[in-house]
N, C-alpha and C. Protein backbone atom coordinates (compact mmCIF):
# COMPACT_ATOMS: atom_id res chain seq x y z
N MET A 1 40.77 -16.15 -55.89
CA MET A 1 40.00 -16.00 -54.34
C MET A 1 39.41 -14.05 -54.69
N ALA A 2 38.10 -14.61 -53.97
CA ALA A 2 36.97 -13.26 -54.83
C ALA A 2 37.93 -12.38 -53.91
N GLU A 3 37.28 -10.74 -54.30
CA GLU A 3 37.65 -9.71 -53.34
C GLU A 3 36.41 -9.75 -52.21
N GLN A 4 37.47 -8.49 -51.68
CA GLN A 4 37.06 -8.43 -49.87
C GLN A 4 35.75 -7.16 -50.43
N THR A 5 34.92 -6.57 -49.67
CA THR A 5 34.22 -5.51 -49.82
C THR A 5 34.82 -4.70 -48.53
N ALA A 6 34.89 -3.40 -48.13
CA ALA A 6 34.98 -2.77 -47.39
C ALA A 6 34.61 -3.53 -46.06
N ALA A 7 33.57 -3.53 -45.79
CA ALA A 7 32.91 -4.09 -44.65
C ALA A 7 34.15 -5.51 -44.10
N GLU A 8 34.04 -6.41 -45.25
CA GLU A 8 34.31 -7.55 -45.21
C GLU A 8 36.13 -7.78 -44.55
N ASN A 9 36.40 -6.51 -45.27
CA ASN A 9 37.91 -5.99 -45.21
C ASN A 9 38.33 -5.88 -43.05
N GLU A 10 37.43 -4.89 -43.35
CA GLU A 10 37.44 -4.22 -41.67
C GLU A 10 37.25 -5.51 -40.94
N LEU A 11 36.06 -6.48 -41.10
CA LEU A 11 36.35 -7.61 -39.96
C LEU A 11 36.98 -8.53 -40.15
N ALA A 12 37.87 -8.77 -41.10
CA ALA A 12 38.68 -9.20 -41.55
C ALA A 12 40.22 -8.70 -40.48
N THR A 13 40.48 -7.73 -39.98
CA THR A 13 40.96 -6.90 -39.47
C THR A 13 40.86 -7.56 -38.28
N LEU A 14 39.87 -7.39 -37.98
CA LEU A 14 39.26 -7.56 -36.06
C LEU A 14 39.45 -8.72 -36.17
N ILE A 15 39.22 -9.80 -37.19
CA ILE A 15 39.55 -11.15 -37.30
C ILE A 15 40.94 -11.79 -36.92
N VAL A 16 41.64 -10.34 -37.79
CA VAL A 16 43.26 -10.50 -37.42
C VAL A 16 43.71 -10.62 -36.01
N ASP A 17 43.41 -9.09 -35.84
CA ASP A 17 43.88 -8.66 -34.28
C ASP A 17 43.10 -9.27 -33.23
N SER A 18 42.28 -9.73 -33.14
CA SER A 18 41.93 -9.92 -32.13
C SER A 18 41.91 -11.99 -32.01
N LEU A 19 42.69 -12.45 -32.65
CA LEU A 19 43.19 -13.78 -32.59
C LEU A 19 44.14 -13.54 -32.73
N ASN A 20 45.44 -12.72 -33.06
CA ASN A 20 46.76 -12.18 -32.98
C ASN A 20 47.28 -13.71 -34.38
N LEU A 21 46.50 -13.46 -35.12
CA LEU A 21 47.14 -14.50 -36.41
C LEU A 21 48.14 -13.56 -37.17
N GLU A 22 49.55 -13.53 -36.45
CA GLU A 22 50.47 -12.44 -37.17
C GLU A 22 50.94 -13.05 -37.98
N SER A 23 50.92 -14.57 -38.66
CA SER A 23 51.32 -14.82 -39.68
C SER A 23 50.03 -14.23 -41.15
N THR A 24 49.16 -13.93 -40.79
CA THR A 24 48.09 -14.54 -41.98
C THR A 24 47.62 -12.35 -42.01
N LYS A 25 47.61 -11.90 -43.48
CA LYS A 25 47.19 -10.07 -43.28
C LYS A 25 45.95 -10.33 -43.68
N PRO A 26 44.77 -9.45 -42.93
CA PRO A 26 43.82 -9.35 -43.00
C PRO A 26 42.82 -9.75 -44.79
N GLU A 27 44.22 -9.04 -45.44
CA GLU A 27 43.40 -9.15 -47.87
C GLU A 27 43.91 -10.41 -48.04
N GLN A 28 44.50 -11.14 -47.40
CA GLN A 28 44.81 -12.80 -48.05
C GLN A 28 43.37 -13.76 -46.90
N ILE A 29 42.39 -13.31 -46.73
CA ILE A 29 41.57 -14.02 -45.99
C ILE A 29 40.51 -14.39 -47.15
N ASP A 30 40.38 -15.41 -48.24
CA ASP A 30 39.71 -15.15 -49.07
C ASP A 30 37.70 -15.61 -48.28
N PRO A 31 36.69 -14.39 -48.83
CA PRO A 31 35.77 -13.72 -47.91
C PRO A 31 34.43 -15.34 -48.39
N GLU A 32 35.49 -16.16 -49.31
CA GLU A 32 34.27 -17.35 -49.62
C GLU A 32 34.90 -18.59 -49.20
N ALA A 33 35.78 -18.55 -48.38
CA ALA A 33 36.64 -20.19 -47.70
C ALA A 33 36.17 -19.80 -46.99
N PRO A 34 36.32 -21.43 -45.97
CA PRO A 34 35.69 -21.45 -44.69
C PRO A 34 37.23 -20.64 -43.55
N LEU A 35 35.83 -19.80 -42.58
CA LEU A 35 36.51 -19.73 -41.20
C LEU A 35 37.00 -21.42 -40.63
N PHE A 36 36.18 -21.63 -40.45
CA PHE A 36 36.63 -23.42 -39.53
C PHE A 36 37.40 -24.19 -40.57
N GLY A 37 38.17 -25.00 -39.97
CA GLY A 37 38.46 -26.73 -40.62
C GLY A 37 39.60 -26.13 -41.96
N GLY A 38 39.50 -24.60 -42.41
CA GLY A 38 40.21 -24.28 -43.74
C GLY A 38 41.97 -24.12 -43.31
N ASP A 39 42.15 -22.92 -44.32
CA ASP A 39 43.52 -22.82 -44.40
C ASP A 39 43.86 -22.01 -42.81
N LEU A 40 42.67 -21.00 -41.92
CA LEU A 40 43.27 -20.47 -41.19
C LEU A 40 43.24 -21.10 -39.82
N GLY A 41 42.84 -22.45 -39.65
CA GLY A 41 42.97 -23.21 -38.60
C GLY A 41 41.75 -23.14 -37.33
N LEU A 42 41.44 -22.51 -37.68
CA LEU A 42 40.55 -21.65 -36.69
C LEU A 42 39.84 -22.99 -35.91
N ASP A 43 39.60 -22.84 -34.40
CA ASP A 43 38.50 -23.62 -33.33
C ASP A 43 37.47 -22.61 -33.32
N SER A 44 36.74 -23.68 -32.10
CA SER A 44 36.02 -23.08 -31.61
C SER A 44 35.98 -22.19 -30.75
N ILE A 45 37.22 -22.01 -30.18
CA ILE A 45 37.49 -20.94 -28.93
C ILE A 45 37.69 -19.92 -29.88
N ASP A 46 38.55 -19.98 -31.24
CA ASP A 46 38.17 -18.80 -31.55
C ASP A 46 36.59 -18.22 -32.19
N ALA A 47 36.07 -19.17 -32.13
CA ALA A 47 34.89 -18.88 -32.86
C ALA A 47 33.96 -17.93 -31.27
N LEU A 48 34.16 -18.24 -30.24
CA LEU A 48 33.86 -17.45 -29.08
C LEU A 48 34.72 -15.84 -29.55
N GLU A 49 36.45 -16.07 -29.34
CA GLU A 49 37.16 -14.83 -29.64
C GLU A 49 36.51 -13.79 -30.14
N ILE A 50 36.14 -14.16 -31.65
CA ILE A 50 35.77 -13.79 -32.68
C ILE A 50 33.75 -13.25 -32.72
N ALA A 51 33.48 -13.84 -31.86
CA ALA A 51 32.02 -14.30 -31.35
C ALA A 51 32.24 -12.35 -30.16
N LEU A 52 33.05 -12.40 -29.45
CA LEU A 52 33.17 -11.57 -27.89
C LEU A 52 33.57 -9.80 -28.94
N ALA A 53 34.72 -10.32 -29.78
CA ALA A 53 35.26 -8.78 -30.64
C ALA A 53 33.88 -8.21 -31.66
N VAL A 54 33.62 -9.40 -32.10
CA VAL A 54 32.24 -8.77 -32.64
C VAL A 54 31.36 -7.44 -31.84
N SER A 55 31.00 -8.12 -30.26
CA SER A 55 29.52 -7.59 -29.94
C SER A 55 30.62 -6.32 -29.24
N LYS A 56 31.60 -6.67 -28.74
CA LYS A 56 32.52 -5.05 -28.81
C LYS A 56 32.89 -4.41 -29.94
N ARG A 57 32.74 -4.69 -31.42
CA ARG A 57 32.63 -3.57 -32.20
C ARG A 57 31.82 -2.90 -32.27
N TYR A 58 30.73 -4.19 -32.59
CA TYR A 58 29.57 -3.51 -33.56
C TYR A 58 27.87 -3.68 -32.83
N GLY A 59 28.27 -3.79 -31.78
CA GLY A 59 27.00 -3.59 -30.73
C GLY A 59 25.76 -4.35 -31.22
N PHE A 60 26.03 -5.78 -31.23
CA PHE A 60 25.31 -6.73 -30.58
C PHE A 60 26.23 -7.81 -30.71
N GLN A 61 25.04 -9.32 -29.77
CA GLN A 61 26.04 -10.28 -29.44
C GLN A 61 25.67 -11.56 -30.61
N LEU A 62 26.87 -12.05 -31.02
CA LEU A 62 26.42 -13.47 -31.39
C LEU A 62 26.36 -14.17 -30.68
N ARG A 63 25.12 -14.55 -30.30
CA ARG A 63 24.82 -15.51 -29.49
C ARG A 63 25.11 -17.40 -30.04
N SER A 64 25.84 -17.68 -28.78
CA SER A 64 26.63 -19.07 -28.86
C SER A 64 24.84 -20.26 -28.87
N ASP A 65 23.44 -19.60 -28.77
CA ASP A 65 22.57 -20.84 -28.65
C ASP A 65 21.83 -20.30 -30.29
N ASN A 66 22.23 -19.69 -31.28
CA ASN A 66 21.78 -19.24 -32.46
C ASN A 66 21.39 -20.70 -33.33
N PRO A 67 20.59 -21.21 -33.64
CA PRO A 67 20.20 -21.84 -34.57
C PRO A 67 21.33 -21.94 -35.82
N ASP A 68 21.74 -21.00 -36.38
CA ASP A 68 22.40 -20.60 -38.07
C ASP A 68 23.81 -20.22 -37.56
N ASN A 69 24.13 -21.06 -36.42
CA ASN A 69 26.13 -20.29 -36.33
C ASN A 69 26.30 -21.00 -37.76
N ARG A 70 26.63 -22.31 -37.92
CA ARG A 70 27.06 -22.79 -38.45
C ARG A 70 27.28 -22.13 -39.82
N GLN A 71 25.66 -22.10 -40.50
CA GLN A 71 26.06 -21.05 -41.50
C GLN A 71 26.52 -19.28 -41.68
N ILE A 72 26.50 -19.01 -40.00
CA ILE A 72 26.67 -17.33 -40.06
C ILE A 72 28.28 -17.39 -40.10
N PHE A 73 28.80 -18.66 -39.46
CA PHE A 73 30.40 -18.45 -39.22
C PHE A 73 30.92 -19.01 -40.18
N SER A 74 30.50 -19.53 -41.17
CA SER A 74 30.97 -20.17 -42.70
C SER A 74 31.93 -19.63 -43.16
N ASN A 75 32.15 -18.30 -43.68
CA ASN A 75 33.17 -17.21 -43.99
C ASN A 75 32.95 -16.08 -44.00
N LEU A 76 33.77 -15.53 -44.15
CA LEU A 76 33.83 -14.37 -43.86
C LEU A 76 32.57 -13.40 -44.13
N ARG A 77 32.52 -14.21 -45.89
CA ARG A 77 31.47 -12.66 -46.30
C ARG A 77 30.33 -13.46 -45.28
N LYS A 78 30.07 -14.42 -45.52
CA LYS A 78 28.30 -14.62 -44.77
C LYS A 78 28.85 -13.64 -42.75
N LEU A 79 29.61 -13.91 -41.99
CA LEU A 79 29.56 -12.97 -41.38
C LEU A 79 29.53 -11.88 -41.24
N SER A 80 30.60 -11.08 -42.76
CA SER A 80 29.87 -10.23 -42.23
C SER A 80 29.07 -9.45 -43.13
N GLU A 81 27.90 -10.21 -43.82
CA GLU A 81 26.49 -9.83 -43.49
C GLU A 81 25.28 -9.84 -42.79
N HIS A 82 25.64 -10.94 -42.01
CA HIS A 82 24.86 -11.06 -40.31
C HIS A 82 25.29 -9.72 -40.52
N ILE A 83 26.31 -9.20 -40.16
CA ILE A 83 26.56 -7.93 -38.65
C ILE A 83 26.22 -6.87 -39.79
N GLU A 84 26.41 -6.72 -41.09
CA GLU A 84 25.42 -5.77 -41.27
C GLU A 84 24.42 -5.67 -41.04
N GLN A 85 23.26 -6.14 -41.48
CA GLN A 85 22.13 -6.86 -41.18
C GLN A 85 21.36 -6.49 -39.47
N HIS A 86 22.51 -6.95 -39.14
CA HIS A 86 22.25 -6.56 -37.06
C HIS A 86 23.13 -5.54 -36.23
N ARG A 87 24.25 -5.23 -36.94
CA ARG A 87 24.87 -3.80 -35.97
C ARG A 87 24.26 -2.55 -35.86
N VAL A 88 24.36 -1.89 -34.56
CA VAL A 88 24.16 -0.89 -34.24
C VAL A 88 24.45 0.25 -34.83
N ALA A 89 23.67 0.93 -35.64
CA ALA A 89 24.35 2.22 -36.22
C ALA A 89 24.92 3.13 -35.56
């Protein structure tokens, strides 16, 4: 499993908390493993919850009509990189 960066761990914590993943610890989420269809068992409703939590925490919208969403949400690392590029300081 790849090591999480500090930003990835912060995001993993946000995901675990917002989705009430009680059996998952943030540090257990492999930053390169698929968020959807993988071990976490996340679905499209979870993607909406993550997008809402990200907009509240980081101050920008993850839009459902973004053609890059499949890439952005592919894993924790990609989502974290996208947030770092777009977050409101």
